[in-house]
Amino acid sequence: MRKEKKLRKETTMKENMGKLMLDVGKLAVGGVIIGGILRGAVSQVILIIGGSVAVTILFILGLLFTVKEKKE
């Protein structure tokens, strides 16, 4: 019984981390869009490349944490 509770908590924590990563990725997309509109001191190319890399990494990590593994 205790092992089952610990496994459930661990799985829930991983899922929560995955959801957090996906939410941060969404915020990064918004930041890139707003940064492109405001046209600050940062070059558009650097903004788009840096934002794309950050969003890609965050989404991949988010998906890896949220996908449940099948137990055989």
PDB file of N, CA and C in Angstrom:
ATOM      1  N   MET A   1       0.809  -1.195   0.000  1.00  0.00           N
ATOM      2  CA  MET A   1       0.000   0.000   0.000  1.00  0.00           C
ATOM      3  C   MET A   1       0.855   1.263   0.000  1.00  0.00           C
ATOM      4  N   ARG A   2       1.868   1.300   0.833  1.00  0.00           N
ATOM      5  CA  ARG A   2       2.690   2.505   0.916  1.00  0.00           C
ATOM      6  C   ARG A   2       3.442   2.744  -0.376  1.00  0.00           C
ATOM      7  N   LYS A   3       3.897   1.670  -1.013  1.00  0.00           N
ATOM      8  CA  LYS A   3       4.600   1.835  -2.278  1.00  0.00           C
ATOM      9  C   LYS A   3       3.672   2.432  -3.328  1.00  0.00           C
ATOM     10  N   GLU A   4       2.412   2.001  -3.324  1.00  0.00           N
ATOM     11  CA  GLU A   4       1.456   2.529  -4.288  1.00  0.00           C
ATOM     12  C   GLU A   4       1.237   4.026  -4.067  1.00  0.00           C
ATOM     13  N   LYS A   5       1.141   4.443  -2.826  1.00  0.00           N
ATOM     14  CA  LYS A   5       0.949   5.862  -2.531  1.00  0.00           C
ATOM     15  C   LYS A   5       2.159   6.670  -2.975  1.00  0.00           C
ATOM     16  N   LYS A   6       3.361   6.156  -2.727  1.00  0.00           N
ATOM     17  CA  LYS A   6       4.569   6.860  -3.135  1.00  0.00           C
ATOM     18  C   LYS A   6       4.640   6.956  -4.653  1.00  0.00           C
ATOM     19  N   LEU A   7       4.281   5.879  -5.355  1.00  0.00           N
ATOM     20  CA  LEU A   7       4.310   5.917  -6.810  1.00  0.00           C
ATOM     21  C   LEU A   7       3.289   6.913  -7.348  1.00  0.00           C
ATOM     22  N   ARG A   8       2.148   6.984  -6.739  1.00  0.00           N
ATOM     23  CA  ARG A   8       1.134   7.937  -7.176  1.00  0.00           C
ATOM     24  C   ARG A   8       1.610   9.368  -6.967  1.00  0.00           C
ATOM     25  N   LYS A   9       2.235   9.646  -5.831  1.00  0.00           N
ATOM     26  CA  LYS A   9       2.738  10.987  -5.565  1.00  0.00           C
ATOM     27  C   LYS A   9       3.828  11.356  -6.565  1.00  0.00           C
ATOM     28  N   GLU A  10       4.734  10.425  -6.845  1.00  0.00           N
ATOM     29  CA  GLU A  10       5.829  10.695  -7.766  1.00  0.00           C
ATOM     30  C   GLU A  10       5.287  10.956  -9.169  1.00  0.00           C
ATOM     31  N   THR A  11       4.339  10.157  -9.593  1.00  0.00           N
ATOM     32  CA  THR A  11       3.734  10.352 -10.905  1.00  0.00           C
ATOM     33  C   THR A  11       3.018  11.697 -10.958  1.00  0.00           C
ATOM     34  N   THR A  12       2.312  12.034  -9.921  1.00  0.00           N
ATOM     35  CA  THR A  12       1.605  13.301  -9.878  1.00  0.00           C
ATOM     36  C   THR A  12       2.589  14.470  -9.935  1.00  0.00           C
ATOM     37  N   MET A  13       3.722  14.355  -9.246  1.00  0.00           N
ATOM     38  CA  MET A  13       4.728  15.415  -9.257  1.00  0.00           C
ATOM     39  C   MET A  13       5.304  15.580 -10.665  1.00  0.00           C
ATOM     40  N   LYS A  14       5.571  14.465 -11.341  1.00  0.00           N
ATOM     41  CA  LYS A  14       6.094  14.557 -12.706  1.00  0.00           C
ATOM     42  C   LYS A  14       5.074  15.201 -13.631  1.00  0.00           C
ATOM     43  N   GLU A  15       3.821  14.827 -13.470  1.00  0.00           N
ATOM     44  CA  GLU A  15       2.781  15.426 -14.299  1.00  0.00           C
ATOM     45  C   GLU A  15       2.669  16.921 -14.037  1.00  0.00           C
ATOM     46  N   ASN A  16       2.759  17.310 -12.779  1.00  0.00           N
ATOM     47  CA  ASN A  16       2.690  18.736 -12.441  1.00  0.00           C
ATOM     48  C   ASN A  16       3.880  19.497 -13.017  1.00  0.00           C
ATOM     49  N   MET A  17       5.053  18.898 -12.983  1.00  0.00           N
ATOM     50  CA  MET A  17       6.235  19.539 -13.570  1.00  0.00           C
ATOM     51  C   MET A  17       6.053  19.689 -15.076  1.00  0.00           C
ATOM     52  N   GLY A  18       5.480  18.673 -15.695  1.00  0.00           N
ATOM     53  CA  GLY A  18       5.227  18.743 -17.127  1.00  0.00           C
ATOM     54  C   GLY A  18       4.250  19.843 -17.472  1.00  0.00           C
ATOM     55  N   LYS A  19       3.192  19.964 -16.679  1.00  0.00           N
ATOM     56  CA  LYS A  19       2.213  21.032 -16.907  1.00  0.00           C
ATOM     57  C   LYS A  19       2.852  22.400 -16.714  1.00  0.00           C
ATOM     58  N   LEU A  20       3.717  22.504 -15.713  1.00  0.00           N
ATOM     59  CA  LEU A  20       4.413  23.763 -15.463  1.00  0.00           C
ATOM     60  C   LEU A  20       5.289  24.137 -16.649  1.00  0.00           C
ATOM     61  N   MET A  21       6.026  23.153 -17.176  1.00  0.00           N
ATOM     62  CA  MET A  21       6.895  23.419 -18.328  1.00  0.00           C
ATOM     63  C   MET A  21       6.070  23.862 -19.535  1.00  0.00           C
ATOM     64  N   LEU A  22       4.925  23.232 -19.757  1.00  0.00           N
ATOM     65  CA  LEU A  22       4.074  23.626 -20.878  1.00  0.00           C
ATOM     66  C   LEU A  22       3.547  25.051 -20.688  1.00  0.00           C
ATOM     67  N   ASP A  23       3.174  25.401 -19.457  1.00  0.00           N
ATOM     68  CA  ASP A  23       2.688  26.753 -19.185  1.00  0.00           C
ATOM     69  C   ASP A  23       3.789  27.788 -19.381  1.00  0.00           C
ATOM     70  N   VAL A  24       4.983  27.481 -18.938  1.00  0.00           N
ATOM     71  CA  VAL A  24       6.110  28.414 -19.118  1.00  0.00           C
ATOM     72  C   VAL A  24       6.431  28.557 -20.599  1.00  0.00           C
ATOM     73  N   GLY A  25       6.294  27.462 -21.340  1.00  0.00           N
ATOM     74  CA  GLY A  25       6.500  27.525 -22.790  1.00  0.00           C
ATOM     75  C   GLY A  25       5.491  28.449 -23.457  1.00  0.00           C
ATOM     76  N   LYS A  26       4.244  28.384 -23.010  1.00  0.00           N
ATOM     77  CA  LYS A  26       3.211  29.281 -23.545  1.00  0.00           C
ATOM     78  C   LYS A  26       3.558  30.738 -23.234  1.00  0.00           C
ATOM     79  N   LEU A  27       4.046  30.982 -22.021  1.00  0.00           N
ATOM     80  CA  LEU A  27       4.446  32.345 -21.656  1.00  0.00           C
ATOM     81  C   LEU A  27       5.623  32.824 -22.497  1.00  0.00           C
ATOM     82  N   ALA A  28       6.541  31.921 -22.817  1.00  0.00           N
ATOM     83  CA  ALA A  28       7.689  32.280 -23.658  1.00  0.00           C
ATOM     84  C   ALA A  28       7.227  32.661 -25.059  1.00  0.00           C
ATOM     85  N   VAL A  29       6.225  31.937 -25.590  1.00  0.00           N
ATOM     86  CA  VAL A  29       5.676  32.289 -26.897  1.00  0.00           C
ATOM     87  C   VAL A  29       5.086  33.696 -26.838  1.00  0.00           C
ATOM     88  N   GLY A  30       4.331  33.978 -25.795  1.00  0.00           N
ATOM     89  CA  GLY A  30       3.763  35.318 -25.630  1.00  0.00           C
ATOM     90  C   GLY A  30       4.838  36.384 -25.509  1.00  0.00           C
ATOM     91  N   GLY A  31       5.912  36.064 -24.794  1.00  0.00           N
ATOM     92  CA  GLY A  31       7.016  37.013 -24.651  1.00  0.00           C
ATOM     93  C   GLY A  31       7.691  37.313 -25.975  1.00  0.00           C
ATOM     94  N   VAL A  32       7.849  36.295 -26.804  1.00  0.00           N
ATOM     95  CA  VAL A  32       8.464  36.512 -28.114  1.00  0.00           C
ATOM     96  C   VAL A  32       7.553  37.381 -28.983  1.00  0.00           C
ATOM     97  N   ILE A  33       6.262  37.113 -28.938  1.00  0.00           N
ATOM     98  CA  ILE A  33       5.321  37.901 -29.744  1.00  0.00           C
ATOM     99  C   ILE A  33       5.300  39.356 -29.277  1.00  0.00           C
ATOM    100  N   ILE A  34       5.192  39.559 -27.969  1.00  0.00           N
ATOM    101  CA  ILE A  34       5.161  40.930 -27.438  1.00  0.00           C
ATOM    102  C   ILE A  34       6.496  41.626 -27.675  1.00  0.00           C
ATOM    103  N   GLY A  35       7.596  40.896 -27.506  1.00  0.00           N
ATOM    104  CA  GLY A  35       8.911  41.475 -27.760  1.00  0.00           C
ATOM    105  C   GLY A  35       9.079  41.884 -29.215  1.00  0.00           C
ATOM    106  N   GLY A  36       8.481  41.118 -30.120  1.00  0.00           N
ATOM    107  CA  GLY A  36       8.544  41.468 -31.539  1.00  0.00           C
ATOM    108  C   GLY A  36       7.723  42.705 -31.855  1.00  0.00           C
ATOM    109  N   ILE A  37       6.620  42.856 -31.150  1.00  0.00           N
ATOM    110  CA  ILE A  37       5.758  44.019 -31.383  1.00  0.00           C
ATOM    111  C   ILE A  37       6.410  45.288 -30.842  1.00  0.00           C
ATOM    112  N   LEU A  38       7.011  45.203 -29.652  1.00  0.00           N
ATOM    113  CA  LEU A  38       7.583  46.390 -29.016  1.00  0.00           C
ATOM    114  C   LEU A  38       8.879  46.863 -29.673  1.00  0.00           C
ATOM    115  N   ARG A  39       9.580  45.984 -30.332  1.00  0.00           N
ATOM    116  CA  ARG A  39      10.833  46.321 -31.028  1.00  0.00           C
ATOM    117  C   ARG A  39      11.800  47.079 -30.131  1.00  0.00           C
ATOM    118  N   GLY A  40      12.282  46.397 -29.121  1.00  0.00           N
ATOM    119  CA  GLY A  40      13.217  47.005 -28.173  1.00  0.00           C
ATOM    120  C   GLY A  40      14.640  46.995 -28.709  1.00  0.00           C
ATOM    121  N   ALA A  41      15.582  46.930 -27.797  1.00  0.00           N
ATOM    122  CA  ALA A  41      16.996  46.980 -28.159  1.00  0.00           C
ATOM    123  C   ALA A  41      17.502  45.644 -28.691  1.00  0.00           C
ATOM    124  N   VAL A  42      16.710  44.586 -28.565  1.00  0.00           N
ATOM    125  CA  VAL A  42      17.140  43.257 -29.003  1.00  0.00           C
ATOM    126  C   VAL A  42      16.804  43.080 -30.478  1.00  0.00           C
ATOM    127  N   SER A  43      17.738  42.508 -31.206  1.00  0.00           N
ATOM    128  CA  SER A  43      17.538  42.249 -32.623  1.00  0.00           C
ATOM    129  C   SER A  43      16.397  41.253 -32.828  1.00  0.00           C
ATOM    130  N   GLN A  44      15.635  41.429 -33.894  1.00  0.00           N
ATOM    131  CA  GLN A  44      14.514  40.534 -34.200  1.00  0.00           C
ATOM    132  C   GLN A  44      14.990  39.103 -34.412  1.00  0.00           C
ATOM    133  N   VAL A  45      16.132  38.932 -35.064  1.00  0.00           N
ATOM    134  CA  VAL A  45      16.653  37.594 -35.347  1.00  0.00           C
ATOM    135  C   VAL A  45      17.009  36.878 -34.046  1.00  0.00           C
ATOM    136  N   ILE A  46      17.684  37.578 -33.154  1.00  0.00           N
ATOM    137  CA  ILE A  46      18.064  36.983 -31.870  1.00  0.00           C
ATOM    138  C   ILE A  46      16.820  36.652 -31.059  1.00  0.00           C
ATOM    139  N   LEU A  47      15.840  37.543 -31.089  1.00  0.00           N
ATOM    140  CA  LEU A  47      14.599  37.331 -30.358  1.00  0.00           C
ATOM    141  C   LEU A  47      13.872  36.091 -30.859  1.00  0.00           C
ATOM    142  N   ILE A  48      13.753  35.949 -32.156  1.00  0.00           N
ATOM    143  CA  ILE A  48      13.029  34.808 -32.724  1.00  0.00           C
ATOM    144  C   ILE A  48      13.787  33.504 -32.506  1.00  0.00           C
ATOM    145  N   ILE A  49      15.094  33.500 -32.731  1.00  0.00           N
ATOM    146  CA  ILE A  49      15.876  32.271 -32.555  1.00  0.00           C
ATOM    147  C   ILE A  49      15.924  31.866 -31.087  1.00  0.00           C
ATOM    148  N   GLY A  50      16.231  32.794 -30.211  1.00  0.00           N
ATOM    149  CA  GLY A  50      16.287  32.489 -28.778  1.00  0.00           C
ATOM    150  C   GLY A  50      14.943  32.041 -28.231  1.00  0.00           C
ATOM    151  N   GLY A  51      13.896  32.719 -28.643  1.00  0.00           N
ATOM    152  CA  GLY A  51      12.557  32.345 -28.202  1.00  0.00           C
ATOM    153  C   GLY A  51      12.142  30.980 -28.716  1.00  0.00           C
ATOM    154  N   SER A  52      12.462  30.698 -29.963  1.00  0.00           N
ATOM    155  CA  SER A  52      12.120  29.395 -30.537  1.00  0.00           C
ATOM    156  C   SER A  52      12.842  28.259 -29.835  1.00  0.00           C
ATOM    157  N   VAL A  53      14.106  28.468 -29.531  1.00  0.00           N
ATOM    158  CA  VAL A  53      14.876  27.437 -28.829  1.00  0.00           C
ATOM    159  C   VAL A  53      14.310  27.206 -27.430  1.00  0.00           C
ATOM    160  N   ALA A  54      14.035  28.292 -26.723  1.00  0.00           N
ATOM    161  CA  ALA A  54      13.493  28.165 -25.367  1.00  0.00           C
ATOM    162  C   ALA A  54      12.134  27.478 -25.373  1.00  0.00           C
ATOM    163  N   VAL A  55      11.273  27.869 -26.283  1.00  0.00           N
ATOM    164  CA  VAL A  55       9.941  27.268 -26.361  1.00  0.00           C
ATOM    165  C   VAL A  55      10.028  25.790 -26.709  1.00  0.00           C
ATOM    166  N   THR A  56      10.882  25.440 -27.649  1.00  0.00           N
ATOM    167  CA  THR A  56      11.033  24.043 -28.045  1.00  0.00           C
ATOM    168  C   THR A  56      11.513  23.192 -26.877  1.00  0.00           C
ATOM    169  N   ILE A  57      12.514  23.668 -26.170  1.00  0.00           N
ATOM    170  CA  ILE A  57      13.045  22.910 -25.023  1.00  0.00           C
ATOM    171  C   ILE A  57      11.974  22.760 -23.945  1.00  0.00           C
ATOM    172  N   LEU A  58      11.267  23.826 -23.644  1.00  0.00           N
ATOM    173  CA  LEU A  58      10.231  23.761 -22.602  1.00  0.00           C
ATOM    174  C   LEU A  58       9.092  22.829 -22.989  1.00  0.00           C
ATOM    175  N   PHE A  59       8.665  22.871 -24.246  1.00  0.00           N
ATOM    176  CA  PHE A  59       7.586  21.985 -24.671  1.00  0.00           C
ATOM    177  C   PHE A  59       8.019  20.523 -24.664  1.00  0.00           C
ATOM    178  N   ILE A  60       9.247  20.248 -25.087  1.00  0.00           N
ATOM    179  CA  ILE A  60       9.738  18.863 -25.072  1.00  0.00           C
ATOM    180  C   ILE A  60       9.817  18.347 -23.642  1.00  0.00           C
ATOM    181  N   LEU A  61      10.371  19.148 -22.742  1.00  0.00           N
ATOM    182  CA  LEU A  61      10.442  18.733 -21.343  1.00  0.00           C
ATOM    183  C   LEU A  61       9.043  18.548 -20.752  1.00  0.00           C
ATOM    184  N   GLY A  62       8.140  19.444 -21.082  1.00  0.00           N
ATOM    185  CA  GLY A  62       6.775  19.324 -20.597  1.00  0.00           C
ATOM    186  C   GLY A  62       6.104  18.057 -21.068  1.00  0.00           C
ATOM    187  N   LEU A  63       6.288  17.724 -22.326  1.00  0.00           N
ATOM    188  CA  LEU A  63       5.685  16.500 -22.856  1.00  0.00           C
ATOM    189  C   LEU A  63       6.328  15.249 -22.270  1.00  0.00           C
ATOM    190  N   LEU A  64       7.634  15.289 -22.067  1.00  0.00           N
ATOM    191  CA  LEU A  64       8.307  14.129 -21.478  1.00  0.00           C
ATOM    192  C   LEU A  64       7.820  13.858 -20.058  1.00  0.00           C
ATOM    193  N   PHE A  65       7.556  14.923 -19.312  1.00  0.00           N
ATOM    194  CA  PHE A  65       7.089  14.749 -17.945  1.00  0.00           C
ATOM    195  C   PHE A  65       5.624  14.320 -17.877  1.00  0.00           C
ATOM    196  N   THR A  66       4.818  14.747 -18.831  1.00  0.00           N
ATOM    197  CA  THR A  66       3.391  14.445 -18.741  1.00  0.00           C
ATOM    198  C   THR A  66       3.006  13.109 -19.359  1.00  0.00           C
ATOM    199  N   VAL A  67       3.802  12.594 -20.266  1.00  0.00           N
ATOM    200  CA  VAL A  67       3.476  11.319 -20.905  1.00  0.00           C
ATOM    201  C   VAL A  67       3.710  10.191 -19.903  1.00  0.00           C
ATOM    202  N   LYS A  68       2.691   9.363 -19.716  1.00  0.00           N
ATOM    203  CA  LYS A  68       2.813   8.251 -18.775  1.00  0.00           C
ATOM    204  C   LYS A  68       3.396   7.035 -19.496  1.00  0.00           C
ATOM    205  N   GLU A  69       4.297   6.357 -18.796  1.00  0.00           N
ATOM    206  CA  GLU A  69       4.885   5.151 -19.355  1.00  0.00           C
ATOM    207  C   GLU A  69       3.949   3.966 -19.113  1.00  0.00           C
ATOM    208  N   LYS A  70       3.887   3.084 -20.094  1.00  0.00           N
ATOM    209  CA  LYS A  70       3.063   1.886 -19.931  1.00  0.00           C
ATOM    210  C   LYS A  70       3.852   0.848 -19.153  1.00  0.00           C
ATOM    211  N   LYS A  71       3.202   0.274 -18.146  1.00  0.00           N
ATOM    212  CA  LYS A  71       3.844  -0.786 -17.370  1.00  0.00           C
ATOM    213  C   LYS A  71       3.355  -2.127 -17.879  1.00  0.00           C
ATOM    214  N   GLU A  72       4.302  -3.003 -18.125  1.00  0.00           N
ATOM    215  CA  GLU A  72       3.936  -4.332 -18.628  1.00  0.00           C
ATOM    216  C   GLU A  72       3.848  -5.335 -17.533  1.00  0.00           C
TER     217      GLU A  72
END
